[in-house]
Amino acid sequence: MSIKHYLLTTEGEIREYDAERAARVAAGDSALPEFAGAEIHYVQVWVDDEPKGNELHVRTAGAIVHFDQQGHFEEASTPESSDNRMRFAHDTCIQLALHKEFQEPYTLH
């Protein structure tokens, strides 16, 4: 199982962070100064590395992450279920994760 971590900036950019950096930020051991004082969409994508037959299993989780004035993680909150931007963000991050993991064509259901 591979896990990808994405932050969606207020400028519309999607940034991927490796698991080690994401863990350091979540633990408060590392800051992201570019997000100081901001609330940012976070999406985590789990991709099953070993497809079963012609099926590939993907799961996502998301949150709104709050950063303090120095860019340290402060807290996370659950996005509104009606937040269409978050649905779009999940779909986009799935596409990014699959594009990097698999070179063959696939169909989303």
PDB file of N, CA and C in Angstrom:
ATOM      1  N   MET A   1       0.862  -1.174   0.000  1.00  0.00           N
ATOM      2  CA  MET A   1       0.000   0.000   0.000  1.00  0.00           C
ATOM      3  C   MET A   1       0.905   1.233   0.000  1.00  0.00           C
ATOM      4  N   SER A   2       0.660   2.128  -0.930  1.00  0.00           N
ATOM      5  CA  SER A   2       1.399   3.391  -0.913  1.00  0.00           C
ATOM      6  C   SER A   2       0.456   4.490  -0.437  1.00  0.00           C
ATOM      7  N   ILE A   3       1.021   5.443   0.273  1.00  0.00           N
ATOM      8  CA  ILE A   3       0.236   6.552   0.817  1.00  0.00           C
ATOM      9  C   ILE A   3       0.849   7.853   0.318  1.00  0.00           C
ATOM     10  N   LYS A   4       0.008   8.695  -0.246  1.00  0.00           N
ATOM     11  CA  LYS A   4       0.434  10.000  -0.758  1.00  0.00           C
ATOM     12  C   LYS A   4      -0.214  11.095   0.081  1.00  0.00           C
ATOM     13  N   HIS A   5       0.520  12.185   0.282  1.00  0.00           N
ATOM     14  CA  HIS A   5       0.048  13.315   1.084  1.00  0.00           C
ATOM     15  C   HIS A   5       0.073  14.573   0.221  1.00  0.00           C
ATOM     16  N   TYR A   6      -1.067  15.261   0.154  1.00  0.00           N
ATOM     17  CA  TYR A   6      -1.180  16.455  -0.687  1.00  0.00           C
ATOM     18  C   TYR A   6      -1.755  17.624   0.108  1.00  0.00           C
ATOM     19  N   LEU A   7      -1.207  18.812  -0.139  1.00  0.00           N
ATOM     20  CA  LEU A   7      -1.778  20.062   0.364  1.00  0.00           C
ATOM     21  C   LEU A   7      -2.179  20.891  -0.846  1.00  0.00           C
ATOM     22  N   LEU A   8      -3.369  21.474  -0.774  1.00  0.00           N
ATOM     23  CA  LEU A   8      -3.885  22.298  -1.859  1.00  0.00           C
ATOM     24  C   LEU A   8      -3.796  23.753  -1.428  1.00  0.00           C
ATOM     25  N   THR A   9      -2.937  24.496  -2.081  1.00  0.00           N
ATOM     26  CA  THR A   9      -2.682  25.873  -1.672  1.00  0.00           C
ATOM     27  C   THR A   9      -3.864  26.774  -2.015  1.00  0.00           C
ATOM     28  N   THR A  10      -3.878  27.940  -1.394  1.00  0.00           N
ATOM     29  CA  THR A  10      -4.939  28.912  -1.672  1.00  0.00           C
ATOM     30  C   THR A  10      -4.818  29.470  -3.092  1.00  0.00           C
ATOM     31  N   GLU A  11      -3.645  29.290  -3.727  1.00  0.00           N
ATOM     32  CA  GLU A  11      -3.443  29.735  -5.104  1.00  0.00           C
ATOM     33  C   GLU A  11      -3.865  28.675  -6.114  1.00  0.00           C
ATOM     34  N   GLY A  12      -4.365  27.529  -5.635  1.00  0.00           N
ATOM     35  CA  GLY A  12      -4.819  26.473  -6.526  1.00  0.00           C
ATOM     36  C   GLY A  12      -3.760  25.452  -6.889  1.00  0.00           C
ATOM     37  N   GLU A  13      -2.610  25.514  -6.263  1.00  0.00           N
ATOM     38  CA  GLU A  13      -1.529  24.570  -6.525  1.00  0.00           C
ATOM     39  C   GLU A  13      -1.705  23.337  -5.632  1.00  0.00           C
ATOM     40  N   ILE A  14      -1.310  22.171  -6.142  1.00  0.00           N
ATOM     41  CA  ILE A  14      -1.335  20.945  -5.344  1.00  0.00           C
ATOM     42  C   ILE A  14       0.106  20.542  -5.090  1.00  0.00           C
ATOM     43  N   ARG A  15       0.463  20.417  -3.820  1.00  0.00           N
ATOM     44  CA  ARG A  15       1.832  20.051  -3.452  1.00  0.00           C
ATOM     45  C   ARG A  15       1.830  18.697  -2.771  1.00  0.00           C
ATOM     46  N   GLU A  16       2.718  17.827  -3.242  1.00  0.00           N
ATOM     47  CA  GLU A  16       2.849  16.501  -2.636  1.00  0.00           C
ATOM     48  C   GLU A  16       4.006  16.522  -1.639  1.00  0.00           C
ATOM     49  N   TYR A  17       3.793  15.877  -0.497  1.00  0.00           N
ATOM     50  CA  TYR A  17       4.823  15.764   0.535  1.00  0.00           C
ATOM     51  C   TYR A  17       5.057  14.295   0.828  1.00  0.00           C
ATOM     52  N   ASP A  18       6.329  13.928   1.011  1.00  0.00           N
ATOM     53  CA  ASP A  18       6.612  12.531   1.329  1.00  0.00           C
ATOM     54  C   ASP A  18       6.146  12.218   2.748  1.00  0.00           C
ATOM     55  N   ALA A  19       6.034  10.935   3.050  1.00  0.00           N
ATOM     56  CA  ALA A  19       5.480  10.489   4.334  1.00  0.00           C
ATOM     57  C   ALA A  19       6.289  11.012   5.517  1.00  0.00           C
ATOM     58  N   GLU A  20       7.605  11.055   5.379  1.00  0.00           N
ATOM     59  CA  GLU A  20       8.453  11.532   6.480  1.00  0.00           C
ATOM     60  C   GLU A  20       8.183  13.006   6.781  1.00  0.00           C
ATOM     61  N   ARG A  21       8.134  13.818   5.750  1.00  0.00           N
ATOM     62  CA  ARG A  21       7.884  15.257   5.956  1.00  0.00           C
ATOM     63  C   ARG A  21       6.482  15.483   6.515  1.00  0.00           C
ATOM     64  N   ALA A  22       5.497  14.768   5.986  1.00  0.00           N
ATOM     65  CA  ALA A  22       4.122  14.902   6.476  1.00  0.00           C
ATOM     66  C   ALA A  22       4.043  14.542   7.958  1.00  0.00           C
ATOM     67  N   ALA A  23       4.748  13.488   8.367  1.00  0.00           N
ATOM     68  CA  ALA A  23       4.738  13.073   9.775  1.00  0.00           C
ATOM     69  C   ALA A  23       5.401  14.124  10.661  1.00  0.00           C
ATOM     70  N   ARG A  24       6.511  14.709  10.201  1.00  0.00           N
ATOM     71  CA  ARG A  24       7.193  15.748  10.992  1.00  0.00           C
ATOM     72  C   ARG A  24       6.314  16.978  11.153  1.00  0.00           C
ATOM     73  N   VAL A  25       5.621  17.362  10.090  1.00  0.00           N
ATOM     74  CA  VAL A  25       4.721  18.522  10.164  1.00  0.00           C
ATOM     75  C   VAL A  25       3.573  18.221  11.117  1.00  0.00           C
ATOM     76  N   ALA A  26       2.968  17.044  10.994  1.00  0.00           N
ATOM     77  CA  ALA A  26       1.835  16.672  11.856  1.00  0.00           C
ATOM     78  C   ALA A  26       2.239  16.608  13.327  1.00  0.00           C
ATOM     79  N   ALA A  27       3.477  16.199  13.597  1.00  0.00           N
ATOM     80  CA  ALA A  27       3.963  16.105  14.976  1.00  0.00           C
ATOM     81  C   ALA A  27       4.402  17.461  15.527  1.00  0.00           C
ATOM     82  N   GLY A  28       4.462  18.473  14.671  1.00  0.00           N
ATOM     83  CA  GLY A  28       4.894  19.796  15.106  1.00  0.00           C
ATOM     84  C   GLY A  28       6.401  19.967  15.108  1.00  0.00           C
ATOM     85  N   ASP A  29       7.126  18.975  14.548  1.00  0.00           N
ATOM     86  CA  ASP A  29       8.589  19.029  14.520  1.00  0.00           C
ATOM     87  C   ASP A  29       9.134  19.822  13.341  1.00  0.00           C
ATOM     88  N   SER A  30       8.290  20.108  12.374  1.00  0.00           N
ATOM     89  CA  SER A  30       8.714  20.829  11.179  1.00  0.00           C
ATOM     90  C   SER A  30       7.611  21.815  10.799  1.00  0.00           C
ATOM     91  N   ALA A  31       8.014  22.945  10.274  1.00  0.00           N
ATOM     92  CA  ALA A  31       7.042  23.976   9.876  1.00  0.00           C
ATOM     93  C   ALA A  31       6.980  24.084   8.356  1.00  0.00           C
ATOM     94  N   LEU A  32       5.885  24.627   7.885  1.00  0.00           N
ATOM     95  CA  LEU A  32       5.729  24.998   6.480  1.00  0.00           C
ATOM     96  C   LEU A  32       5.447  26.504   6.468  1.00  0.00           C
ATOM     97  N   PRO A  33       6.509  27.323   6.524  1.00  0.00           N
ATOM     98  CA  PRO A  33       6.341  28.772   6.660  1.00  0.00           C
ATOM     99  C   PRO A  33       5.486  29.405   5.570  1.00  0.00           C
ATOM    100  N   GLU A  34       5.454  28.785   4.392  1.00  0.00           N
ATOM    101  CA  GLU A  34       4.648  29.335   3.301  1.00  0.00           C
ATOM    102  C   GLU A  34       3.154  29.269   3.598  1.00  0.00           C
ATOM    103  N   PHE A  35       2.760  28.476   4.610  1.00  0.00           N
ATOM    104  CA  PHE A  35       1.353  28.368   5.001  1.00  0.00           C
ATOM    105  C   PHE A  35       1.066  29.035   6.346  1.00  0.00           C
ATOM    106  N   ALA A  36       1.967  29.881   6.813  1.00  0.00           N
ATOM    107  CA  ALA A  36       1.793  30.546   8.112  1.00  0.00           C
ATOM    108  C   ALA A  36       0.455  31.272   8.174  1.00  0.00           C
ATOM    109  N   GLY A  37      -0.307  30.973   9.226  1.00  0.00           N
ATOM    110  CA  GLY A  37      -1.590  31.621   9.452  1.00  0.00           C
ATOM    111  C   GLY A  37      -2.706  31.187   8.515  1.00  0.00           C
ATOM    112  N   ALA A  38      -2.493  30.130   7.752  1.00  0.00           N
ATOM    113  CA  ALA A  38      -3.476  29.730   6.737  1.00  0.00           C
ATOM    114  C   ALA A  38      -4.256  28.480   7.137  1.00  0.00           C
ATOM    115  N   GLU A  39      -5.386  28.302   6.457  1.00  0.00           N
ATOM    116  CA  GLU A  39      -6.171  27.070   6.519  1.00  0.00           C
ATOM    117  C   GLU A  39      -6.078  26.447   5.132  1.00  0.00           C
ATOM    118  N   ILE A  40      -5.586  25.217   5.060  1.00  0.00           N
ATOM    119  CA  ILE A  40      -5.289  24.573   3.786  1.00  0.00           C
ATOM    120  C   ILE A  40      -6.005  23.223   3.711  1.00  0.00           C
ATOM    121  N   HIS A  41      -6.487  22.874   2.527  1.00  0.00           N
ATOM    122  CA  HIS A  41      -7.063  21.544   2.311  1.00  0.00           C
ATOM    123  C   HIS A  41      -5.934  20.513   2.263  1.00  0.00           C
ATOM    124  N   TYR A  42      -6.126  19.413   2.989  1.00  0.00           N
ATOM    125  CA  TYR A  42      -5.183  18.297   3.000  1.00  0.00           C
ATOM    126  C   TYR A  42      -5.913  17.059   2.497  1.00  0.00           C
ATOM    127  N   VAL A  43      -5.267  16.303   1.617  1.00  0.00           N
ATOM    128  CA  VAL A  43      -5.834  15.049   1.125  1.00  0.00           C
ATOM    129  C   VAL A  43      -4.767  13.965   1.226  1.00  0.00           C
ATOM    130  N   GLN A  44      -5.168  12.825   1.778  1.00  0.00           N
ATOM    131  CA  GLN A  44      -4.300  11.659   1.859  1.00  0.00           C
ATOM    132  C   GLN A  44      -4.917  10.584   0.968  1.00  0.00           C
ATOM    133  N   VAL A  45      -4.081   9.963   0.132  1.00  0.00           N
ATOM    134  CA  VAL A  45      -4.557   8.936  -0.795  1.00  0.00           C
ATOM    135  C   VAL A  45      -3.805   7.639  -0.523  1.00  0.00           C
ATOM    136  N   TRP A  46      -4.563   6.560  -0.299  1.00  0.00           N
ATOM    137  CA  TRP A  46      -3.989   5.221  -0.147  1.00  0.00           C
ATOM    138  C   TRP A  46      -4.242   4.477  -1.445  1.00  0.00           C
ATOM    139  N   VAL A  47      -3.187   3.929  -2.039  1.00  0.00           N
ATOM    140  CA  VAL A  47      -3.315   3.149  -3.270  1.00  0.00           C
ATOM    141  C   VAL A  47      -2.798   1.747  -2.999  1.00  0.00           C
ATOM    142  N   ASP A  48      -3.624   0.743  -3.279  1.00  0.00           N
ATOM    143  CA  ASP A  48      -3.212  -0.649  -3.144  1.00  0.00           C
ATOM    144  C   ASP A  48      -2.186  -0.934  -4.230  1.00  0.00           C
ATOM    145  N   ASP A  49      -0.962  -1.272  -3.838  1.00  0.00           N
ATOM    146  CA  ASP A  49       0.122  -1.507  -4.794  1.00  0.00           C
ATOM    147  C   ASP A  49      -0.059  -2.784  -5.613  1.00  0.00           C
ATOM    148  N   GLU A  50      -0.882  -3.685  -5.113  1.00  0.00           N
ATOM    149  CA  GLU A  50      -1.046  -4.970  -5.785  1.00  0.00           C
ATOM    150  C   GLU A  50      -2.502  -5.139  -6.215  1.00  0.00           C
ATOM    151  N   PRO A  51      -2.818  -4.684  -7.433  1.00  0.00           N
ATOM    152  CA  PRO A  51      -4.197  -4.828  -7.906  1.00  0.00           C
ATOM    153  C   PRO A  51      -4.625  -6.292  -7.903  1.00  0.00           C
ATOM    154  N   LYS A  52      -5.887  -6.517  -7.599  1.00  0.00           N
ATOM    155  CA  LYS A  52      -6.445  -7.865  -7.587  1.00  0.00           C
ATOM    156  C   LYS A  52      -7.242  -8.045  -8.872  1.00  0.00           C
ATOM    157  N   GLY A  53      -6.657  -8.792  -9.801  1.00  0.00           N
ATOM    158  CA  GLY A  53      -7.298  -8.946 -11.107  1.00  0.00           C
ATOM    159  C   GLY A  53      -7.296  -7.617 -11.826  1.00  0.00           C
ATOM    160  N   ASN A  54      -8.473  -7.175 -12.212  1.00  0.00           N
ATOM    161  CA  ASN A  54      -8.562  -5.887 -12.902  1.00  0.00           C
ATOM    162  C   ASN A  54      -9.084  -4.789 -11.982  1.00  0.00           C
ATOM    163  N   GLU A  55      -9.021  -5.014 -10.659  1.00  0.00           N
ATOM    164  CA  GLU A  55      -9.486  -4.014  -9.694  1.00  0.00           C
ATOM    165  C   GLU A  55      -8.319  -3.398  -8.936  1.00  0.00           C
ATOM    166  N   LEU A  56      -8.416  -2.111  -8.750  1.00  0.00           N
ATOM    167  CA  LEU A  56      -7.436  -1.359  -7.980  1.00  0.00           C
ATOM    168  C   LEU A  56      -8.188  -0.639  -6.872  1.00  0.00           C
ATOM    169  N   HIS A  57      -7.752  -0.796  -5.648  1.00  0.00           N
ATOM    170  CA  HIS A  57      -8.447  -0.174  -4.524  1.00  0.00           C
ATOM    171  C   HIS A  57      -7.727   1.103  -4.096  1.00  0.00           C
ATOM    172  N   VAL A  58      -8.509   2.176  -3.985  1.00  0.00           N
ATOM    173  CA  VAL A  58      -7.994   3.485  -3.594  1.00  0.00           C
ATOM    174  C   VAL A  58      -8.915   4.044  -2.520  1.00  0.00           C
ATOM    175  N   ARG A  59      -8.320   4.623  -1.474  1.00  0.00           N
ATOM    176  CA  ARG A  59      -9.104   5.299  -0.431  1.00  0.00           C
ATOM    177  C   ARG A  59      -8.520   6.685  -0.218  1.00  0.00           C
ATOM    178  N   THR A  60      -9.370   7.601   0.231  1.00  0.00           N
ATOM    179  CA  THR A  60      -8.899   8.955   0.532  1.00  0.00           C
ATOM    180  C   THR A  60      -9.434   9.405   1.882  1.00  0.00           C
ATOM    181  N   ALA A  61      -8.739  10.367   2.441  1.00  0.00           N
ATOM    182  CA  ALA A  61      -9.201  11.070   3.640  1.00  0.00           C
ATOM    183  C   ALA A  61      -8.799  12.521   3.453  1.00  0.00           C
ATOM    184  N   GLY A  62      -9.565  13.405   4.042  1.00  0.00           N
ATOM    185  CA  GLY A  62      -9.251  14.817   3.889  1.00  0.00           C
ATOM    186  C   GLY A  62      -9.564  15.604   5.136  1.00  0.00           C
ATOM    187  N   ALA A  63      -8.950  16.756   5.228  1.00  0.00           N
ATOM    188  CA  ALA A  63      -9.163  17.650   6.366  1.00  0.00           C
ATOM    189  C   ALA A  63      -8.806  19.065   5.945  1.00  0.00           C
ATOM    190  N   ILE A  64      -9.250  19.998   6.763  1.00  0.00           N
ATOM    191  CA  ILE A  64      -8.777  21.373   6.657  1.00  0.00           C
ATOM    192  C   ILE A  64      -7.732  21.506   7.755  1.00  0.00           C
ATOM    193  N   VAL A  65      -6.490  21.811   7.380  1.00  0.00           N
ATOM    194  CA  VAL A  65      -5.431  21.938   8.379  1.00  0.00           C
ATOM    195  C   VAL A  65      -5.149  23.413   8.635  1.00  0.00           C
ATOM    196  N   HIS A  66      -4.955  23.724   9.884  1.00  0.00           N
ATOM    197  CA  HIS A  66      -4.724  25.097  10.327  1.00  0.00           C
ATOM    198  C   HIS A  66      -3.267  25.220  10.770  1.00  0.00           C
ATOM    199  N   PHE A  67      -2.598  26.259  10.280  1.00  0.00           N
ATOM    200  CA  PHE A  67      -1.206  26.517  10.630  1.00  0.00           C
ATOM    201  C   PHE A  67      -1.110  27.798  11.447  1.00  0.00           C
ATOM    202  N   ASP A  68      -0.188  27.804  12.427  1.00  0.00           N
ATOM    203  CA  ASP A  68       0.004  29.004  13.240  1.00  0.00           C
ATOM    204  C   ASP A  68       0.820  30.036  12.453  1.00  0.00           C
ATOM    205  N   GLN A  69       1.171  31.124  13.100  1.00  0.00           N
ATOM    206  CA  GLN A  69       1.855  32.231  12.423  1.00  0.00           C
ATOM    207  C   GLN A  69       3.282  31.890  11.980  1.00  0.00           C
ATOM    208  N   GLN A  70       3.835  30.790  12.494  1.00  0.00           N
ATOM    209  CA  GLN A  70       5.171  30.359  12.068  1.00  0.00           C
ATOM    210  C   GLN A  70       5.101  29.226  11.040  1.00  0.00           C
ATOM    211  N   GLY A  71       3.895  28.756  10.748  1.00  0.00           N
ATOM    212  CA  GLY A  71       3.742  27.672   9.781  1.00  0.00           C
ATOM    213  C   GLY A  71       3.748  26.287  10.390  1.00  0.00           C
ATOM    214  N   HIS A  72       3.608  26.211  11.731  1.00  0.00           N
ATOM    215  CA  HIS A  72       3.499  24.905  12.392  1.00  0.00           C
ATOM    216  C   HIS A  72       2.041  24.449  12.378  1.00  0.00           C
ATOM    217  N   PHE A  73       1.850  23.145  12.215  1.00  0.00           N
ATOM    218  CA  PHE A  73       0.515  22.559  12.264  1.00  0.00           C
ATOM    219  C   PHE A  73      -0.108  22.864  13.614  1.00  0.00           C
ATOM    220  N   GLU A  74      -1.341  23.352  13.592  1.00  0.00           N
ATOM    221  CA  GLU A  74      -2.038  23.730  14.818  1.00  0.00           C
ATOM    222  C   GLU A  74      -3.180  22.761  15.113  1.00  0.00           C
ATOM    223  N   GLU A  75      -4.047  22.552  14.133  1.00  0.00           N
ATOM    224  CA  GLU A  75      -5.165  21.624  14.302  1.00  0.00           C
ATOM    225  C   GLU A  75      -5.745  21.282  12.941  1.00  0.00           C
ATOM    226  N   ALA A  76      -6.572  20.242  12.934  1.00  0.00           N
ATOM    227  CA  ALA A  76      -7.269  19.848  11.711  1.00  0.00           C
ATOM    228  C   ALA A  76      -8.756  19.795  12.000  1.00  0.00           C
ATOM    229  N   SER A  77      -9.534  20.143  11.010  1.00  0.00           N
ATOM    230  CA  SER A  77     -10.984  20.064  11.161  1.00  0.00           C
ATOM    231  C   SER A  77     -11.568  19.327   9.957  1.00  0.00           C
ATOM    232  N   THR A  78     -12.756  18.822  10.150  1.00  0.00           N
ATOM    233  CA  THR A  78     -13.440  18.090   9.095  1.00  0.00           C
ATOM    234  C   THR A  78     -14.104  19.073   8.140  1.00  0.00           C
ATOM    235  N   PRO A  79     -13.874  18.903   6.845  1.00  0.00           N
ATOM    236  CA  PRO A  79     -14.539  19.795   5.888  1.00  0.00           C
ATOM    237  C   PRO A  79     -16.030  19.499   5.824  1.00  0.00           C
ATOM    238  N   GLU A  80     -16.792  20.477   5.404  1.00  0.00           N
ATOM    239  CA  GLU A  80     -18.232  20.292   5.218  1.00  0.00           C
ATOM    240  C   GLU A  80     -18.465  19.221   4.153  1.00  0.00           C
ATOM    241  N   SER A  81     -19.428  18.350   4.380  1.00  0.00           N
ATOM    242  CA  SER A  81     -19.705  17.289   3.404  1.00  0.00           C
ATOM    243  C   SER A  81     -20.204  17.856   2.080  1.00  0.00           C
ATOM    244  N   SER A  82     -20.717  19.066   2.101  1.00  0.00           N
ATOM    245  CA  SER A  82     -21.218  19.686   0.868  1.00  0.00           C
ATOM    246  C   SER A  82     -20.147  20.507   0.151  1.00  0.00           C
ATOM    247  N   ASP A  83     -18.901  20.443   0.619  1.00  0.00           N
ATOM    248  CA  ASP A  83     -17.812  21.220   0.034  1.00  0.00           C
ATOM    249  C   ASP A  83     -17.380  20.590  -1.292  1.00  0.00           C
ATOM    250  N   ASN A  84     -17.868  21.128  -2.398  1.00  0.00           N
ATOM    251  CA  ASN A  84     -17.544  20.583  -3.718  1.00  0.00           C
ATOM    252  C   ASN A  84     -16.063  20.693  -4.041  1.00  0.00           C
ATOM    253  N   ARG A  85     -15.396  21.700  -3.496  1.00  0.00           N
ATOM    254  CA  ARG A  85     -13.956  21.838  -3.733  1.00  0.00           C
ATOM    255  C   ARG A  85     -13.206  20.647  -3.160  1.00  0.00           C
ATOM    256  N   MET A  86     -13.652  20.153  -2.005  1.00  0.00           N
ATOM    257  CA  MET A  86     -12.971  19.023  -1.385  1.00  0.00           C
ATOM    258  C   MET A  86     -13.194  17.752  -2.210  1.00  0.00           C
ATOM    259  N   ARG A  87     -14.398  17.578  -2.742  1.00  0.00           N
ATOM    260  CA  ARG A  87     -14.647  16.414  -3.612  1.00  0.00           C
ATOM    261  C   ARG A  87     -13.738  16.473  -4.838  1.00  0.00           C
ATOM    262  N   PHE A  88     -13.649  17.659  -5.431  1.00  0.00           N
ATOM    263  CA  PHE A  88     -12.783  17.838  -6.592  1.00  0.00           C
ATOM    264  C   PHE A  88     -11.329  17.572  -6.209  1.00  0.00           C
ATOM    265  N   ALA A  89     -10.918  18.048  -5.041  1.00  0.00           N
ATOM    266  CA  ALA A  89      -9.548  17.846  -4.573  1.00  0.00           C
ATOM    267  C   ALA A  89      -9.243  16.360  -4.419  1.00  0.00           C
ATOM    268  N   HIS A  90     -10.173  15.604  -3.831  1.00  0.00           N
ATOM    269  CA  HIS A  90      -9.967  14.163  -3.671  1.00  0.00           C
ATOM    270  C   HIS A  90      -9.793  13.498  -5.034  1.00  0.00           C
ATOM    271  N   ASP A  91     -10.686  13.813  -5.973  1.00  0.00           N
ATOM    272  CA  ASP A  91     -10.605  13.217  -7.308  1.00  0.00           C
ATOM    273  C   ASP A  91      -9.286  13.568  -7.992  1.00  0.00           C
ATOM    274  N   THR A  92      -8.872  14.812  -7.886  1.00  0.00           N
ATOM    275  CA  THR A  92      -7.630  15.256  -8.509  1.00  0.00           C
ATOM    276  C   THR A  92      -6.426  14.562  -7.896  1.00  0.00           C
ATOM    277  N   CYS A  93      -6.398  14.448  -6.577  1.00  0.00           N
ATOM    278  CA  CYS A  93      -5.272  13.797  -5.904  1.00  0.00           C
ATOM    279  C   CYS A  93      -5.222  12.305  -6.223  1.00  0.00           C
ATOM    280  N   ILE A  94      -6.377  11.671  -6.389  1.00  0.00           N
ATOM    281  CA  ILE A  94      -6.401  10.269  -6.820  1.00  0.00           C
ATOM    282  C   ILE A  94      -5.753  10.150  -8.192  1.00  0.00           C
ATOM    283  N   GLN A  95      -6.118  11.046  -9.098  1.00  0.00           N
ATOM    284  CA  GLN A  95      -5.529  11.019 -10.441  1.00  0.00           C
ATOM    285  C   GLN A  95      -4.011  11.183 -10.378  1.00  0.00           C
ATOM    286  N   LEU A  96      -3.534  12.106  -9.557  1.00  0.00           N
ATOM    287  CA  LEU A  96      -2.087  12.307  -9.415  1.00  0.00           C
ATOM    288  C   LEU A  96      -1.405  11.060  -8.869  1.00  0.00           C
ATOM    289  N   ALA A  97      -1.981  10.474  -7.834  1.00  0.00           N
ATOM    290  CA  ALA A  97      -1.392   9.282  -7.222  1.00  0.00           C
ATOM    291  C   ALA A  97      -1.356   8.121  -8.216  1.00  0.00           C
ATOM    292  N   LEU A  98      -2.439   7.918  -8.947  1.00  0.00           N
ATOM    293  CA  LEU A  98      -2.480   6.817  -9.907  1.00  0.00           C
ATOM    294  C   LEU A  98      -1.539   7.058 -11.076  1.00  0.00           C
ATOM    295  N   HIS A  99      -1.437   8.291 -11.514  1.00  0.00           N
ATOM    296  CA  HIS A  99      -0.548   8.618 -12.629  1.00  0.00           C
ATOM    297  C   HIS A  99       0.898   8.267 -12.285  1.00  0.00           C
ATOM    298  N   LYS A 100       1.294   8.511 -11.053  1.00  0.00           N
ATOM    299  CA  LYS A 100       2.670   8.227 -10.642  1.00  0.00           C
ATOM    300  C   LYS A 100       2.895   6.741 -10.377  1.00  0.00           C
ATOM    301  N   GLU A 101       1.850   6.027  -9.970  1.00  0.00           N
ATOM    302  CA  GLU A 101       1.980   4.613  -9.618  1.00  0.00           C
ATOM    303  C   GLU A 101       1.835   3.686 -10.822  1.00  0.00           C
ATOM    304  N   PHE A 102       0.926   4.023 -11.739  1.00  0.00           N
ATOM    305  CA  PHE A 102       0.578   3.109 -12.823  1.00  0.00           C
ATOM    306  C   PHE A 102       0.672   3.825 -14.161  1.00  0.00           C
ATOM    307  N   GLN A 103       1.342   3.187 -15.095  1.00  0.00           N
ATOM    308  CA  GLN A 103       1.491   3.775 -16.419  1.00  0.00           C
ATOM    309  C   GLN A 103       0.437   3.270 -17.397  1.00  0.00           C
ATOM    310  N   GLU A 104      -0.279   2.191 -17.037  1.00  0.00           N
ATOM    311  CA  GLU A 104      -1.300   1.673 -17.939  1.00  0.00           C
ATOM    312  C   GLU A 104      -2.614   2.412 -17.732  1.00  0.00           C
ATOM    313  N   PRO A 105      -3.469   2.414 -18.741  1.00  0.00           N
ATOM    314  CA  PRO A 105      -4.757   3.121 -18.618  1.00  0.00           C
ATOM    315  C   PRO A 105      -5.638   2.508 -17.530  1.00  0.00           C
ATOM    316  N   TYR A 106      -6.462   3.320 -16.928  1.00  0.00           N
ATOM    317  CA  TYR A 106      -7.390   2.865 -15.896  1.00  0.00           C
ATOM    318  C   TYR A 106      -8.665   3.680 -16.012  1.00  0.00           C
ATOM    319  N   THR A 107      -9.731   3.149 -15.427  1.00  0.00           N
ATOM    320  CA  THR A 107     -11.027   3.823 -15.433  1.00  0.00           C
ATOM    321  C   THR A 107     -11.489   3.996 -14.008  1.00  0.00           C
ATOM    322  N   LEU A 108     -11.982   5.185 -13.661  1.00  0.00           N
ATOM    323  CA  LEU A 108     -12.496   5.431 -12.317  1.00  0.00           C
ATOM    324  C   LEU A 108     -13.970   5.081 -12.255  1.00  0.00           C
ATOM    325  N   HIS A 109     -14.384   4.475 -11.138  1.00  0.00           N
ATOM    326  CA  HIS A 109     -15.805   4.159 -10.905  1.00  0.00           C
ATOM    327  C   HIS A 109     -16.252   4.792  -9.627  1.00  0.00           C
TER     328      HIS A 109
END
